[in-house]
Structures are given as structure tokens and as C-alpha cells.
């Protein structure tokens, strides 16, 4: 189990850089990598999750990338409304809270 229990702690850890903390669930790890600007690694994990949470993270990654059509597809699969590009940070926090709560 990870010592990271809050969205703020997850963001602070990712922003500090370094290695991914041990004990993170796959969705939380993908979000850590997203916040750490390690898009490709986060994408690889999110697309392999095979869950609505994974689809939600996948949609966020394509929103960050600026691929709105692809993002919309993954948000639809996740059953979530697609936010606008200026809501990316708030959306990351929202998804991170769900992922931490389900870890």
C-alpha cells in the first residue's frame, strides 16, 4: 500500500519528480505519470486498464494532447462528460480522487 492517500499528496509527489512511488494502483500510477508530464507511460497504462476508470484517464490524456475527437471517444466510453481544455487540472484532481478512493 502506498503512503499517498490524498490528491494533494499525489500531485506534490509527481511534481517533485523522481521515480514513481511504490505501491500505487495502476490507475493512480497513470495519474501520477500524467501529472509528472510522462504522457506516454501514463497512456500505456491507461489503455491497458480495461475499465471505465482507465477510459476516463485515457480521455484526459488525449484532452491534454489536444486530440479532442479521441478524447471525446474515451470520455463517452467512460460515461463521463468531456471537460474543456481549461479544466484539465480540475479534471485530473477529480479523477485522482476517484482513483484513490477505489485503490
Protein backbone atom coordinates (compact mmCIF):
# COMPACT_ATOMS: atom_id res chain seq x y z
CA UNK A 1 0.00 0.00 0.00
CA UNK A 2 1.21 3.48 -0.84
CA UNK A 3 1.67 6.26 1.68
CA UNK A 4 -0.02 8.61 -0.79
CA UNK A 5 -3.62 8.97 0.35
CA UNK A 6 -4.73 12.40 -0.92
CA UNK A 7 -4.96 14.19 -4.25
CA UNK A 8 -2.66 16.96 -2.95
CA UNK A 9 -0.04 14.43 -1.85
CA UNK A 10 -0.24 12.67 -5.21
CA UNK A 11 0.22 15.94 -7.09
CA UNK A 12 3.09 17.06 -4.85
CA UNK A 13 4.88 13.75 -5.31
CA UNK A 14 4.52 13.85 -9.09
CA UNK A 15 5.57 17.50 -9.27
CA UNK A 16 8.69 16.70 -7.23
CA UNK A 17 9.82 14.31 -9.95
CA UNK A 18 11.89 11.23 -9.40
CA UNK A 19 10.61 7.70 -9.53
CA UNK A 20 7.03 6.58 -9.24
CA UNK A 21 6.30 5.71 -5.60
CA UNK A 22 5.89 2.02 -4.83
CA UNK A 23 2.51 0.59 -4.01
CA UNK A 24 0.35 2.74 -6.28
CA UNK A 25 -2.56 1.05 -8.03
CA UNK A 26 -2.31 1.11 -11.82
CA UNK A 27 -4.86 3.95 -12.21
CA UNK A 28 -3.14 6.06 -9.53
CA UNK A 29 0.23 5.34 -11.15
CA UNK A 30 -1.14 6.52 -14.51
CA UNK A 31 -2.36 9.73 -12.89
CA UNK A 32 1.00 10.24 -11.13
CA UNK A 33 2.74 9.88 -14.51
CA UNK A 34 0.22 12.26 -16.10
CA UNK A 35 0.96 14.95 -13.52
CA UNK A 36 4.70 14.31 -13.93
CA UNK A 37 4.37 15.04 -17.68
CA UNK A 38 5.23 11.45 -18.59
CA UNK A 39 2.38 11.19 -21.08
CA UNK A 40 3.45 8.09 -23.00
CA UNK A 41 3.95 5.99 -19.88
CA UNK A 42 0.58 7.14 -18.50
CA UNK A 43 -1.07 6.37 -21.84
CA UNK A 44 0.37 2.86 -21.95
CA UNK A 45 -1.07 2.10 -18.52
CA UNK A 46 -4.45 3.72 -19.06
CA UNK A 47 -5.16 1.97 -22.33
CA UNK A 48 -4.43 -1.42 -20.75
CA UNK A 49 -6.68 -0.97 -17.69
CA UNK A 50 -9.84 -2.19 -19.41
CA UNK A 51 -12.15 -0.27 -17.10
CA UNK A 52 -14.29 2.86 -17.10
CA UNK A 53 -11.68 4.50 -14.85
CA UNK A 54 -8.97 3.60 -17.35
CA UNK A 55 -11.09 5.00 -20.17
CA UNK A 56 -11.59 8.21 -18.17
CA UNK A 57 -7.84 8.61 -17.65
CA UNK A 58 -7.27 7.78 -21.32
CA UNK A 59 -9.73 10.53 -22.29
CA UNK A 60 -7.93 13.02 -20.07
CA UNK A 61 -4.61 12.17 -21.67
CA UNK A 62 -5.97 12.84 -25.16
CA UNK A 63 -7.50 16.09 -23.90
CA UNK A 64 -4.05 17.11 -22.63
CA UNK A 65 -2.61 16.13 -26.01
CA UNK A 66 -5.18 18.32 -27.76
CA UNK A 67 -6.78 15.42 -29.63
CA UNK A 68 -10.37 16.39 -28.80
CA UNK A 69 -12.03 13.81 -31.02
CA UNK A 70 -10.11 10.91 -29.50
CA UNK A 71 -10.66 12.36 -26.04
CA UNK A 72 -14.42 12.56 -26.66
CA UNK A 73 -14.47 8.89 -27.66
CA UNK A 74 -12.79 7.81 -24.41
CA UNK A 75 -14.93 10.10 -22.27
CA UNK A 76 -18.00 8.57 -23.91
CA UNK A 77 -16.74 5.05 -23.12
CA UNK A 78 -16.10 6.13 -19.53
CA UNK A 79 -19.62 7.55 -19.23
CA UNK A 80 -18.23 10.95 -18.26
CA UNK A 81 -18.77 14.40 -19.77
CA UNK A 82 -15.73 15.74 -21.62
CA UNK A 83 -14.41 18.92 -19.97
CA UNK A 84 -12.88 21.82 -21.81
CA UNK A 85 -9.13 22.19 -22.12
CA UNK A 86 -9.02 24.91 -19.46
CA UNK A 87 -10.44 22.43 -16.91
CA UNK A 88 -7.62 19.88 -17.19
CA UNK A 89 -6.16 20.43 -13.72
CA UNK A 90 -9.55 20.23 -12.01
CA UNK A 91 -10.42 17.15 -14.06
CA UNK A 92 -7.13 15.48 -13.09
CA UNK A 93 -7.94 16.13 -9.41
CA UNK A 94 -11.47 14.75 -9.83
CA UNK A 95 -10.22 11.55 -11.45
CA UNK A 96 -7.40 11.24 -8.91
CA UNK A 97 -9.89 11.39 -6.04
CA UNK A 98 -11.96 8.60 -7.59
CA UNK A 99 -8.83 6.50 -8.24
CA UNK A 100 -7.52 6.99 -4.69
CA UNK A 101 -10.92 6.16 -3.22
CA UNK A 102 -11.08 2.92 -5.19
CA UNK A 103 -7.46 1.88 -4.61
